[in-house]
Amino acid sequence: MENLFLNSKTKRLAVAGMLGAFSVVLSVTPFLGYIPIPFLVGVNATTMHIPIIIAAILMDAKVATFVGFIFGVSSFLRATPAFFSDPLVSILPRLLIGAATYYAYKATKSSVFAAVIGTITNTVGVLTMIYLRGYLPLKIVGVIAGVNGTAEVIISAIIVYSIMKILKSKNNL
């Protein structure tokens, strides 16, 4: 009976809701969703895509895309900076993180590789839309990608690896 529950829609919904809620908490909590990079004044690395990556690893692309939608909507509603009030910037790229991460993890079984792919998908997706929609010039987008993107990849890989290691040791995943 327990095994039936573990594969049920209830578990999928619970995981999606929990990780979606965690995305919202990260988006409104200073120093959790945006971590200041000490050696780069005024630069923050985001961690808000990490619940999507974890959903992709633990569940599948559908659950991860749902969590990505929640993250995108919370980003849209928060709209800081203002270009995030454009759903093509705030929501669309976040829908892609889950599928990219899921297939990266499925192909390699590496949580670090999946975290890197998910983070790059977020950074490239958002910055590409910011540029294509005319909000920032390419030169500025490139600097943001280099500085923030690098920090976010490192932070994401460390956090996701640590979380997955704990989950695997506790639950034999």
Protein backbone atom coordinates (compact mmCIF):
# COMPACT_ATOMS: atom_id res chain seq x y z
CA MET A 1 0.00 0.00 0.00
CA GLU A 2 2.81 2.44 0.85
CA ASN A 3 4.44 1.83 -2.53
CA LEU A 4 1.15 2.74 -4.24
CA PHE A 5 1.14 6.13 -2.48
CA LEU A 6 4.73 6.83 -3.46
CA ASN A 7 3.82 6.63 -7.15
CA SER A 8 0.53 8.46 -6.84
CA LYS A 9 -0.72 11.74 -8.20
CA THR A 10 -1.03 12.88 -4.60
CA LYS A 11 2.73 12.71 -4.12
CA ARG A 12 3.34 14.57 -7.38
CA LEU A 13 0.92 17.30 -6.35
CA ALA A 14 2.44 17.54 -2.87
CA VAL A 15 5.99 17.83 -4.22
CA ALA A 16 4.91 20.40 -6.83
CA GLY A 17 3.07 22.47 -4.23
CA MET A 18 5.89 22.32 -1.70
CA LEU A 19 8.60 23.28 -4.18
CA GLY A 20 6.36 25.92 -5.77
CA ALA A 21 5.76 27.46 -2.35
CA PHE A 22 9.48 27.35 -1.67
CA SER A 23 10.05 29.30 -4.91
CA VAL A 24 7.66 32.01 -3.73
CA VAL A 25 9.33 32.16 -0.29
CA LEU A 26 12.72 32.54 -1.95
CA SER A 27 11.41 35.36 -4.15
CA VAL A 28 10.24 37.45 -1.19
CA THR A 29 12.96 36.67 1.36
CA PRO A 30 16.07 38.87 1.25
CA PHE A 31 19.40 37.01 1.17
CA LEU A 32 17.73 33.69 0.26
CA GLY A 33 16.36 34.32 -3.21
CA TYR A 34 19.05 36.88 -3.97
CA ILE A 35 22.45 36.19 -2.44
CA PRO A 36 24.85 39.14 -2.50
CA ILE A 37 28.24 38.30 -3.99
CA PRO A 38 30.70 39.82 -1.47
CA PHE A 39 33.52 40.58 -3.91
CA LEU A 40 31.17 42.18 -6.46
CA VAL A 41 29.35 45.15 -4.97
CA GLY A 42 25.70 45.37 -6.04
CA VAL A 43 25.69 41.95 -7.73
CA ASN A 44 23.35 39.21 -6.53
CA ALA A 45 23.06 35.58 -7.52
CA THR A 46 19.55 34.15 -7.65
CA THR A 47 18.64 30.80 -6.14
CA MET A 48 14.96 30.88 -7.05
CA HIS A 49 15.36 28.38 -9.88
CA ILE A 50 16.74 25.69 -7.54
CA PRO A 51 13.31 24.27 -6.55
CA ILE A 52 12.61 23.73 -10.26
CA ILE A 53 15.87 21.82 -10.64
CA ILE A 54 15.06 19.67 -7.61
CA ALA A 55 11.55 18.99 -8.96
CA ALA A 56 13.05 17.86 -12.27
CA ILE A 57 15.47 15.51 -10.53
CA LEU A 58 12.99 14.08 -8.02
CA MET A 59 9.91 13.91 -10.24
CA ASP A 60 9.77 14.77 -13.95
CA ALA A 61 9.57 17.57 -16.50
CA LYS A 62 5.83 18.15 -15.95
CA VAL A 63 6.14 18.75 -12.20
CA ALA A 64 9.24 20.88 -12.75
CA THR A 65 7.46 22.97 -15.39
CA PHE A 66 4.61 23.56 -12.96
CA VAL A 67 7.11 24.75 -10.31
CA GLY A 68 8.72 26.91 -13.01
CA PHE A 69 5.34 28.45 -13.74
CA ILE A 70 4.90 29.33 -10.06
CA PHE A 71 8.37 30.88 -9.99
CA GLY A 72 7.62 32.81 -13.18
CA VAL A 73 4.31 34.13 -11.90
CA SER A 74 5.85 35.19 -8.58
CA SER A 75 8.59 36.98 -10.54
CA PHE A 76 5.96 38.62 -12.75
CA LEU A 77 3.92 39.80 -9.74
CA ARG A 78 7.01 41.09 -7.96
CA ALA A 79 8.34 42.75 -11.17
CA THR A 80 11.65 43.99 -9.79
CA PRO A 81 13.27 45.27 -11.98
CA ALA A 82 10.41 46.55 -14.12
CA PHE A 83 11.15 44.41 -17.21
CA PHE A 84 9.95 41.39 -15.22
CA SER A 85 6.41 42.76 -15.65
CA ASP A 86 6.72 41.34 -19.18
CA PRO A 87 5.56 37.68 -19.05
CA LEU A 88 7.94 36.82 -21.91
CA VAL A 89 10.79 37.75 -19.57
CA SER A 90 9.44 36.58 -16.22
CA ILE A 91 7.39 33.47 -17.06
CA LEU A 92 8.36 31.95 -20.43
CA PRO A 93 12.04 31.19 -19.65
CA ARG A 94 11.09 29.64 -16.30
CA LEU A 95 8.85 27.12 -18.08
CA LEU A 96 11.89 25.80 -19.93
CA ILE A 97 14.10 25.15 -16.88
CA GLY A 98 12.24 22.00 -15.85
CA ALA A 99 12.44 20.18 -19.18
CA ALA A 100 16.09 21.10 -19.76
CA THR A 101 17.03 19.96 -16.27
CA TYR A 102 14.97 16.78 -16.40
CA TYR A 103 16.52 15.59 -19.67
CA ALA A 104 20.03 16.58 -18.53
CA TYR A 105 19.57 14.54 -15.35
CA LYS A 106 17.93 11.64 -17.18
CA ALA A 107 20.86 11.47 -19.61
CA THR A 108 23.65 11.73 -17.02
CA LYS A 109 22.21 10.91 -13.57
CA SER A 110 24.37 13.81 -12.34
CA SER A 111 22.65 16.33 -10.08
CA VAL A 112 25.57 18.75 -10.60
CA PHE A 113 25.26 18.60 -14.40
CA ALA A 114 21.48 18.97 -14.15
CA ALA A 115 21.90 22.01 -11.87
CA VAL A 116 24.34 23.60 -14.31
CA ILE A 117 21.99 23.03 -17.27
CA GLY A 118 18.94 24.30 -15.33
CA THR A 119 20.79 27.41 -14.18
CA ILE A 120 22.15 28.17 -17.65
CA THR A 121 18.64 27.69 -19.08
CA ASN A 122 17.28 30.24 -16.60
CA THR A 123 20.07 32.78 -17.18
CA VAL A 124 20.19 32.47 -20.97
CA GLY A 125 16.40 32.38 -21.29
CA VAL A 126 15.76 35.47 -19.17
CA LEU A 127 18.65 37.49 -20.57
CA THR A 128 17.80 36.56 -24.15
CA MET A 129 14.23 37.78 -23.68
CA ILE A 130 15.46 40.96 -21.96
CA TYR A 131 17.66 41.67 -24.97
CA LEU A 132 15.12 40.65 -27.64
CA ARG A 133 12.41 42.76 -26.02
CA GLY A 134 14.76 45.76 -26.04
CA TYR A 135 15.08 46.30 -22.29
CA LEU A 136 18.90 46.18 -22.15
CA PRO A 137 21.67 46.39 -24.76
CA LEU A 138 23.68 43.30 -25.65
CA LYS A 139 26.82 44.59 -23.92
CA ILE A 140 25.05 44.88 -20.56
CA VAL A 141 23.32 41.51 -21.03
CA GLY A 142 26.72 39.94 -21.69
CA VAL A 143 28.22 41.38 -18.51
CA ILE A 144 25.25 40.17 -16.44
CA ALA A 145 25.50 36.71 -18.01
CA GLY A 146 29.21 36.49 -17.24
CA VAL A 147 29.11 37.75 -13.67
CA ASN A 148 25.73 36.59 -12.37
CA GLY A 149 25.56 33.50 -14.55
CA THR A 150 28.89 32.18 -13.31
CA ALA A 151 28.04 32.81 -9.65
CA GLU A 152 24.59 31.26 -10.05
CA VAL A 153 25.96 28.12 -11.71
CA ILE A 154 28.45 27.59 -8.88
CA ILE A 155 25.93 28.27 -6.10
CA SER A 156 23.25 26.13 -7.76
CA ALA A 157 25.59 23.19 -8.31
CA ILE A 158 26.71 23.25 -4.67
CA ILE A 159 23.20 23.60 -3.23
CA VAL A 160 21.56 21.01 -5.50
CA TYR A 161 24.38 18.50 -4.98
CA SER A 162 24.12 18.94 -1.21
CA ILE A 163 20.33 18.62 -1.13
CA MET A 164 20.32 15.57 -3.38
CA LYS A 165 23.07 13.91 -1.34
CA ILE A 166 21.02 14.41 1.84
CA LEU A 167 17.81 13.18 0.19
CA LYS A 168 19.53 10.11 -1.25
CA SER A 169 21.08 9.18 2.09
CA LYS A 170 17.78 9.60 3.96
CA ASN A 171 15.43 7.99 1.44
CA ASN A 172 17.53 5.70 -0.72
CA LEU A 173 16.55 7.64 -3.86
